Amino acid sequence: MSQRNTSSQPSNSLPSVAVIEAVADHEGVDAAELAPLSTVIDPDALDNLFVYSTAEFPHPKGHIEFQYCGYTIAVHSNGQIVVEM
């Protein structure tokens, strides 16, 4: 049976930080105890994909999925983060 946890990232939080915090929350551990996110995805690329926008280059619509610490992570352009086991 799969478990699913959905959260929205705070407006001042980078997606890479929000992912680590969501997984740490799900695991009940401190974020520092998790493997570095960079072992599975480039955190800067993840942040750049959904955070920075201008009138000329607005936020892309969509989401990205990847595996991290045994979970399937989905980061959506609207700030929603889904952690699924």
Protein backbone atom coordinates (compact mmCIF):
# COMPACT_ATOMS: atom_id res chain seq x y z
CA MET A 1 0.00 0.00 0.00
CA SER A 2 1.48 3.37 -0.94
CA GLN A 3 1.54 6.36 1.35
CA ARG A 4 1.16 9.85 -0.04
CA ASN A 5 1.98 13.17 1.59
CA THR A 6 1.24 16.45 -0.15
CA SER A 7 2.50 19.85 0.90
CA SER A 8 2.85 23.30 -0.57
CA GLN A 9 6.19 25.00 -0.40
CA PRO A 10 6.26 28.35 1.39
CA SER A 11 6.75 31.26 -1.01
CA ASN A 12 10.18 31.98 0.48
CA SER A 13 11.36 28.37 0.28
CA LEU A 14 13.32 26.95 -2.64
CA PRO A 15 11.91 23.72 -4.11
CA SER A 16 15.12 21.85 -3.27
CA VAL A 17 14.85 22.85 0.40
CA ALA A 18 11.11 22.10 0.51
CA VAL A 19 11.71 18.58 -0.87
CA ILE A 20 14.32 17.80 1.78
CA GLU A 21 12.09 19.17 4.55
CA ALA A 22 9.05 17.22 3.29
CA VAL A 23 10.98 13.92 3.21
CA ALA A 24 12.54 14.59 6.62
CA ASP A 25 9.06 15.30 7.97
CA HIS A 26 7.75 12.08 6.45
CA GLU A 27 10.67 10.11 7.94
CA GLY A 28 10.49 11.86 11.30
CA VAL A 29 14.17 12.81 11.17
CA ASP A 30 16.24 15.98 10.92
CA ALA A 31 16.89 17.08 7.33
CA ALA A 32 20.66 16.84 7.96
CA GLU A 33 20.28 13.07 8.43
CA LEU A 34 19.10 12.53 4.84
CA ALA A 35 21.32 11.79 1.86
CA PRO A 36 22.23 14.92 -0.10
CA LEU A 37 19.57 15.75 -2.69
CA SER A 38 22.38 16.22 -5.21
CA THR A 39 22.87 12.43 -5.30
CA VAL A 40 19.66 12.17 -7.37
CA ILE A 41 19.00 15.58 -8.94
CA ASP A 42 20.78 18.91 -9.39
CA PRO A 43 19.22 21.14 -6.68
CA ASP A 44 20.11 24.34 -8.55
CA ALA A 45 18.44 23.08 -11.71
CA LEU A 46 15.33 22.11 -9.73
CA ASP A 47 15.18 25.56 -8.14
CA ASN A 48 15.76 27.33 -11.45
CA LEU A 49 13.05 25.30 -13.14
CA PHE A 50 10.23 26.51 -10.93
CA VAL A 51 11.37 29.54 -8.93
CA TYR A 52 12.77 32.19 -11.20
CA SER A 53 10.53 33.88 -13.74
CA THR A 54 10.31 37.16 -15.59
CA ALA A 55 7.76 38.69 -17.95
CA GLU A 56 9.83 37.35 -20.83
CA PHE A 57 10.31 33.91 -19.25
CA PRO A 58 7.32 33.03 -17.04
CA HIS A 59 7.13 29.94 -14.83
CA PRO A 60 6.84 26.77 -16.85
CA LYS A 61 3.70 24.72 -16.28
CA GLY A 62 4.10 21.11 -15.27
CA HIS A 63 6.00 18.99 -12.82
CA ILE A 64 9.10 16.87 -12.40
CA GLU A 65 9.29 13.47 -10.70
CA PHE A 66 12.32 11.70 -9.25
CA GLN A 67 13.28 9.13 -6.62
CA TYR A 68 14.81 10.29 -3.33
CA CYS A 69 15.40 8.28 -0.13
CA GLY A 70 13.02 5.55 -1.26
CA TYR A 71 10.20 7.96 -2.15
CA THR A 72 8.80 9.18 -5.43
CA ILE A 73 8.89 12.97 -5.31
CA ALA A 74 6.78 15.17 -7.57
CA VAL A 75 7.47 18.91 -7.61
CA HIS A 76 4.75 20.92 -9.37
CA SER A 77 5.02 24.39 -10.85
CA ASN A 78 2.28 25.63 -8.48
CA GLY A 79 4.50 24.86 -5.46
CA GLN A 80 2.88 21.56 -4.55
CA ILE A 81 5.25 18.80 -3.49
CA VAL A 82 4.06 15.19 -3.35
CA VAL A 83 6.04 12.56 -1.42
CA GLU A 84 4.86 9.05 -2.19
CA MET A 85 6.20 5.73 -0.94
